[in-house]
Amino acid sequence: MTEADIFDLNNLSDIPNEIKSDLKVLSRDGFEKKIIDIFKKANRELNIDEITVGYYRVYKEVKERRQVMTKLYNMARSPRPAIEAMPQKGVYKLILEEDEVHPS
């Protein structure tokens, strides 16, 4: 039987909210939080153009396609990814854990 990795950041279900709230790996910047909100509103997979247009319509902030693309790429490759790249190029889906979708 293998012992669980005590340093694993992929599953924090056993960690109290008081500790999780202080972890840098869980912190998300404003742009990232807004993109997550766009995914929640859509409730489906989105491509880069849909995210860019939806972002502007909701927040009235201009983000160049390149900015959106870079942020999505980084969000998908972070240690605790919020989104996942789909097989179709430039398409992503939200994959947050339940405690992040509905924080207590």
N, C-alpha and C. Protein backbone atom coordinates (compact mmCIF):
# COMPACT_ATOMS: atom_id res chain seq x y z
N MET A 1 0.84 -1.18 0.00
CA MET A 1 0.00 0.00 0.00
C MET A 1 0.88 1.25 0.00
N THR A 2 0.56 2.18 -0.87
CA THR A 2 1.36 3.41 -0.96
C THR A 2 0.78 4.49 -0.06
N GLU A 3 1.68 5.18 0.55
CA GLU A 3 1.27 6.28 1.42
C GLU A 3 0.98 7.51 0.56
N ALA A 4 -0.06 8.26 0.92
CA ALA A 4 -0.42 9.47 0.18
C ALA A 4 0.70 10.50 0.31
N ASP A 5 0.90 11.27 -0.74
CA ASP A 5 1.88 12.34 -0.74
C ASP A 5 1.35 13.48 0.13
N ILE A 6 2.01 13.74 1.23
CA ILE A 6 1.52 14.77 2.16
C ILE A 6 1.66 16.18 1.60
N PHE A 7 2.39 16.32 0.49
CA PHE A 7 2.60 17.65 -0.12
C PHE A 7 1.73 17.86 -1.36
N ASP A 8 0.88 16.91 -1.68
CA ASP A 8 0.04 16.97 -2.88
C ASP A 8 -0.93 18.14 -2.80
N LEU A 9 -0.89 19.03 -3.80
CA LEU A 9 -1.78 20.20 -3.86
C LEU A 9 -2.99 19.96 -4.75
N ASN A 10 -3.09 18.79 -5.35
CA ASN A 10 -4.20 18.51 -6.25
C ASN A 10 -5.48 18.13 -5.51
N ASN A 11 -5.36 17.57 -4.32
CA ASN A 11 -6.53 17.21 -3.54
C ASN A 11 -6.39 17.84 -2.16
N LEU A 12 -7.16 18.89 -1.91
CA LEU A 12 -7.09 19.59 -0.63
C LEU A 12 -8.38 19.40 0.18
N SER A 13 -9.11 18.33 -0.12
CA SER A 13 -10.39 18.11 0.55
C SER A 13 -10.24 17.90 2.05
N ASP A 14 -9.07 17.47 2.51
CA ASP A 14 -8.86 17.25 3.94
C ASP A 14 -8.33 18.49 4.67
N ILE A 15 -8.11 19.56 3.93
CA ILE A 15 -7.53 20.79 4.50
C ILE A 15 -8.65 21.75 4.91
N PRO A 16 -8.60 22.27 6.13
CA PRO A 16 -9.64 23.21 6.57
C PRO A 16 -9.65 24.51 5.75
N ASN A 17 -10.81 25.13 5.63
CA ASN A 17 -10.95 26.37 4.87
C ASN A 17 -10.03 27.47 5.37
N GLU A 18 -9.75 27.50 6.67
CA GLU A 18 -8.85 28.53 7.24
C GLU A 18 -7.45 28.43 6.63
N ILE A 19 -7.02 27.23 6.35
CA ILE A 19 -5.70 27.05 5.74
C ILE A 19 -5.79 27.29 4.23
N LYS A 20 -6.83 26.74 3.59
CA LYS A 20 -6.98 26.91 2.14
C LYS A 20 -7.03 28.38 1.74
N SER A 21 -7.66 29.20 2.56
CA SER A 21 -7.80 30.62 2.22
C SER A 21 -6.46 31.34 2.18
N ASP A 22 -5.43 30.79 2.84
CA ASP A 22 -4.10 31.40 2.86
C ASP A 22 -3.14 30.84 1.81
N LEU A 23 -3.53 29.80 1.12
CA LEU A 23 -2.62 29.16 0.16
C LEU A 23 -2.51 29.97 -1.13
N LYS A 24 -1.29 30.25 -1.51
CA LYS A 24 -1.05 31.01 -2.74
C LYS A 24 -1.52 30.23 -3.97
N VAL A 25 -1.39 28.92 -3.95
CA VAL A 25 -1.78 28.09 -5.09
C VAL A 25 -3.27 28.21 -5.40
N LEU A 26 -4.07 28.57 -4.39
CA LEU A 26 -5.51 28.70 -4.59
C LEU A 26 -5.94 30.11 -4.94
N SER A 27 -5.04 31.07 -4.80
CA SER A 27 -5.43 32.45 -5.06
C SER A 27 -5.54 32.68 -6.58
N ARG A 28 -6.56 33.43 -6.94
CA ARG A 28 -6.80 33.73 -8.36
C ARG A 28 -6.89 35.24 -8.51
N ASP A 29 -6.28 35.77 -9.58
CA ASP A 29 -6.36 37.20 -9.79
C ASP A 29 -7.74 37.59 -10.33
N GLY A 30 -7.99 38.88 -10.40
CA GLY A 30 -9.30 39.38 -10.82
C GLY A 30 -9.69 38.92 -12.22
N PHE A 31 -8.75 38.96 -13.15
CA PHE A 31 -9.01 38.55 -14.53
C PHE A 31 -9.44 37.08 -14.56
N GLU A 32 -8.73 36.25 -13.82
CA GLU A 32 -9.03 34.82 -13.78
C GLU A 32 -10.42 34.57 -13.16
N LYS A 33 -10.72 35.28 -12.07
CA LYS A 33 -12.03 35.13 -11.44
C LYS A 33 -13.16 35.53 -12.39
N LYS A 34 -12.92 36.57 -13.17
CA LYS A 34 -13.94 37.02 -14.14
C LYS A 34 -14.13 36.00 -15.26
N ILE A 35 -13.04 35.39 -15.71
CA ILE A 35 -13.14 34.36 -16.75
C ILE A 35 -13.91 33.15 -16.20
N ILE A 36 -13.64 32.77 -14.96
CA ILE A 36 -14.37 31.67 -14.33
C ILE A 36 -15.86 32.01 -14.28
N ASP A 37 -16.17 33.25 -13.95
CA ASP A 37 -17.56 33.68 -13.91
C ASP A 37 -18.23 33.57 -15.29
N ILE A 38 -17.49 33.89 -16.35
CA ILE A 38 -18.01 33.76 -17.72
C ILE A 38 -18.36 32.29 -17.99
N PHE A 39 -17.48 31.39 -17.60
CA PHE A 39 -17.76 29.95 -17.79
C PHE A 39 -18.99 29.52 -17.00
N LYS A 40 -19.12 30.01 -15.77
CA LYS A 40 -20.28 29.66 -14.96
C LYS A 40 -21.57 30.15 -15.60
N LYS A 41 -21.54 31.37 -16.16
CA LYS A 41 -22.73 31.92 -16.83
C LYS A 41 -23.09 31.08 -18.06
N ALA A 42 -22.08 30.64 -18.80
CA ALA A 42 -22.31 29.87 -20.03
C ALA A 42 -22.76 28.45 -19.71
N ASN A 43 -22.17 27.87 -18.68
CA ASN A 43 -22.48 26.49 -18.29
C ASN A 43 -22.22 25.50 -19.43
N ARG A 44 -21.15 25.76 -20.18
CA ARG A 44 -20.76 24.89 -21.29
C ARG A 44 -19.32 25.20 -21.68
N GLU A 45 -18.81 24.43 -22.63
CA GLU A 45 -17.48 24.71 -23.17
C GLU A 45 -17.54 26.02 -23.96
N LEU A 46 -16.43 26.75 -23.95
CA LEU A 46 -16.36 28.01 -24.70
C LEU A 46 -15.05 28.09 -25.47
N ASN A 47 -15.10 28.77 -26.62
CA ASN A 47 -13.86 29.01 -27.35
C ASN A 47 -13.35 30.41 -27.02
N ILE A 48 -12.15 30.72 -27.44
CA ILE A 48 -11.50 31.98 -27.10
C ILE A 48 -12.34 33.18 -27.54
N ASP A 49 -12.90 33.13 -28.73
CA ASP A 49 -13.70 34.25 -29.22
C ASP A 49 -14.95 34.45 -28.36
N GLU A 50 -15.61 33.37 -27.98
CA GLU A 50 -16.81 33.47 -27.13
C GLU A 50 -16.45 34.07 -25.77
N ILE A 51 -15.33 33.66 -25.22
CA ILE A 51 -14.90 34.19 -23.92
C ILE A 51 -14.58 35.68 -24.04
N THR A 52 -13.88 36.07 -25.10
CA THR A 52 -13.52 37.47 -25.31
C THR A 52 -14.77 38.34 -25.43
N VAL A 53 -15.73 37.91 -26.23
CA VAL A 53 -16.97 38.67 -26.42
C VAL A 53 -17.80 38.68 -25.13
N GLY A 54 -17.95 37.53 -24.51
CA GLY A 54 -18.71 37.45 -23.26
C GLY A 54 -18.08 38.31 -22.17
N TYR A 55 -16.76 38.30 -22.10
CA TYR A 55 -16.05 39.09 -21.12
C TYR A 55 -16.37 40.57 -21.30
N TYR A 56 -16.30 41.03 -22.54
CA TYR A 56 -16.60 42.44 -22.80
C TYR A 56 -18.06 42.78 -22.45
N ARG A 57 -18.96 41.93 -22.87
CA ARG A 57 -20.38 42.20 -22.62
C ARG A 57 -20.73 42.23 -21.14
N VAL A 58 -20.09 41.42 -20.35
CA VAL A 58 -20.38 41.38 -18.91
C VAL A 58 -19.63 42.48 -18.17
N TYR A 59 -18.33 42.67 -18.46
CA TYR A 59 -17.50 43.57 -17.66
C TYR A 59 -17.17 44.90 -18.34
N LYS A 60 -17.53 45.05 -19.61
CA LYS A 60 -17.25 46.28 -20.36
C LYS A 60 -15.76 46.65 -20.30
N GLU A 61 -14.92 45.62 -20.30
CA GLU A 61 -13.48 45.80 -20.32
C GLU A 61 -12.94 45.18 -21.60
N VAL A 62 -12.07 45.92 -22.27
CA VAL A 62 -11.46 45.43 -23.50
C VAL A 62 -10.24 44.58 -23.16
N LYS A 63 -10.26 43.33 -23.59
CA LYS A 63 -9.12 42.43 -23.46
C LYS A 63 -8.81 41.91 -24.85
N GLU A 64 -7.57 42.08 -25.27
CA GLU A 64 -7.17 41.58 -26.58
C GLU A 64 -7.21 40.06 -26.58
N ARG A 65 -7.44 39.52 -27.76
CA ARG A 65 -7.52 38.06 -27.90
C ARG A 65 -6.27 37.39 -27.33
N ARG A 66 -5.13 37.99 -27.56
CA ARG A 66 -3.85 37.45 -27.09
C ARG A 66 -3.83 37.38 -25.55
N GLN A 67 -4.37 38.40 -24.87
CA GLN A 67 -4.43 38.40 -23.41
C GLN A 67 -5.31 37.26 -22.92
N VAL A 68 -6.46 37.10 -23.55
CA VAL A 68 -7.40 36.04 -23.16
C VAL A 68 -6.77 34.68 -23.39
N MET A 69 -6.14 34.51 -24.55
CA MET A 69 -5.52 33.24 -24.90
C MET A 69 -4.40 32.88 -23.90
N THR A 70 -3.58 33.84 -23.55
CA THR A 70 -2.49 33.60 -22.60
C THR A 70 -3.03 33.23 -21.22
N LYS A 71 -4.06 33.96 -20.77
CA LYS A 71 -4.64 33.68 -19.46
C LYS A 71 -5.26 32.29 -19.43
N LEU A 72 -5.99 31.92 -20.48
CA LEU A 72 -6.61 30.59 -20.55
C LEU A 72 -5.55 29.50 -20.51
N TYR A 73 -4.48 29.68 -21.27
CA TYR A 73 -3.39 28.71 -21.31
C TYR A 73 -2.80 28.53 -19.90
N ASN A 74 -2.54 29.65 -19.22
CA ASN A 74 -1.97 29.58 -17.87
C ASN A 74 -2.95 28.98 -16.87
N MET A 75 -4.23 29.29 -17.00
CA MET A 75 -5.24 28.73 -16.10
C MET A 75 -5.33 27.21 -16.25
N ALA A 76 -5.18 26.73 -17.47
CA ALA A 76 -5.28 25.29 -17.73
C ALA A 76 -4.03 24.54 -17.28
N ARG A 77 -2.91 25.22 -17.17
CA ARG A 77 -1.65 24.56 -16.82
C ARG A 77 -1.19 24.82 -15.39
N SER A 78 -2.00 25.50 -14.61
CA SER A 78 -1.60 25.80 -13.23
C SER A 78 -1.64 24.53 -12.37
N PRO A 79 -1.01 24.55 -11.19
CA PRO A 79 -1.03 23.37 -10.32
C PRO A 79 -2.45 22.96 -9.92
N ARG A 80 -3.37 23.90 -9.82
CA ARG A 80 -4.78 23.63 -9.51
C ARG A 80 -5.60 24.27 -10.62
N PRO A 81 -5.68 23.62 -11.78
CA PRO A 81 -6.34 24.25 -12.93
C PRO A 81 -7.83 24.50 -12.71
N ALA A 82 -8.30 25.64 -13.20
CA ALA A 82 -9.72 25.99 -13.14
C ALA A 82 -10.43 25.54 -14.40
N ILE A 83 -9.66 25.42 -15.48
CA ILE A 83 -10.22 25.03 -16.77
C ILE A 83 -9.37 23.95 -17.40
N GLU A 84 -9.94 23.33 -18.42
CA GLU A 84 -9.24 22.26 -19.14
C GLU A 84 -9.37 22.53 -20.63
N ALA A 85 -8.27 22.38 -21.35
CA ALA A 85 -8.29 22.52 -22.81
C ALA A 85 -8.96 21.29 -23.41
N MET A 86 -9.84 21.52 -24.34
CA MET A 86 -10.53 20.43 -25.02
C MET A 86 -9.73 20.03 -26.26
N PRO A 87 -10.05 18.89 -26.88
CA PRO A 87 -9.31 18.48 -28.07
C PRO A 87 -9.38 19.50 -29.23
N GLN A 88 -10.51 20.20 -29.34
CA GLN A 88 -10.62 21.23 -30.38
C GLN A 88 -9.75 22.42 -29.96
N LYS A 89 -8.96 22.92 -30.88
CA LYS A 89 -8.04 24.01 -30.58
C LYS A 89 -8.81 25.25 -30.11
N GLY A 90 -8.36 25.84 -29.00
CA GLY A 90 -8.94 27.08 -28.50
C GLY A 90 -10.26 26.92 -27.77
N VAL A 91 -10.62 25.68 -27.39
CA VAL A 91 -11.87 25.43 -26.67
C VAL A 91 -11.52 24.93 -25.27
N TYR A 92 -12.21 25.49 -24.27
CA TYR A 92 -11.95 25.16 -22.87
C TYR A 92 -13.24 24.86 -22.14
N LYS A 93 -13.11 24.15 -21.00
CA LYS A 93 -14.27 23.92 -20.14
C LYS A 93 -13.84 24.13 -18.69
N LEU A 94 -14.80 24.50 -17.85
CA LEU A 94 -14.57 24.74 -16.44
C LEU A 94 -14.46 23.41 -15.71
N ILE A 95 -13.46 23.27 -14.84
CA ILE A 95 -13.27 22.02 -14.08
C ILE A 95 -13.00 22.28 -12.61
N LEU A 96 -13.48 23.37 -12.07
CA LEU A 96 -13.25 23.67 -10.66
C LEU A 96 -13.79 22.57 -9.77
N GLU A 97 -13.17 22.41 -8.62
CA GLU A 97 -13.68 21.46 -7.63
C GLU A 97 -14.94 22.05 -7.01
N GLU A 98 -15.77 21.21 -6.45
CA GLU A 98 -17.07 21.63 -5.90
C GLU A 98 -16.94 22.76 -4.89
N ASP A 99 -15.91 22.72 -4.04
CA ASP A 99 -15.77 23.77 -3.02
C ASP A 99 -15.41 25.12 -3.62
N GLU A 100 -14.89 25.14 -4.85
CA GLU A 100 -14.59 26.41 -5.51
C GLU A 100 -15.78 26.92 -6.29
N VAL A 101 -16.62 26.02 -6.78
CA VAL A 101 -17.81 26.41 -7.53
C VAL A 101 -18.83 27.01 -6.57
N HIS A 102 -19.00 26.38 -5.42
CA HIS A 102 -19.95 26.83 -4.39
C HIS A 102 -19.20 27.00 -3.07
N PRO A 103 -18.40 28.08 -2.92
CA PRO A 103 -17.62 28.22 -1.69
C PRO A 103 -18.52 28.35 -0.47
N SER A 104 -18.05 27.79 0.65
CA SER A 104 -18.85 27.84 1.88
C SER A 104 -18.58 29.09 2.67
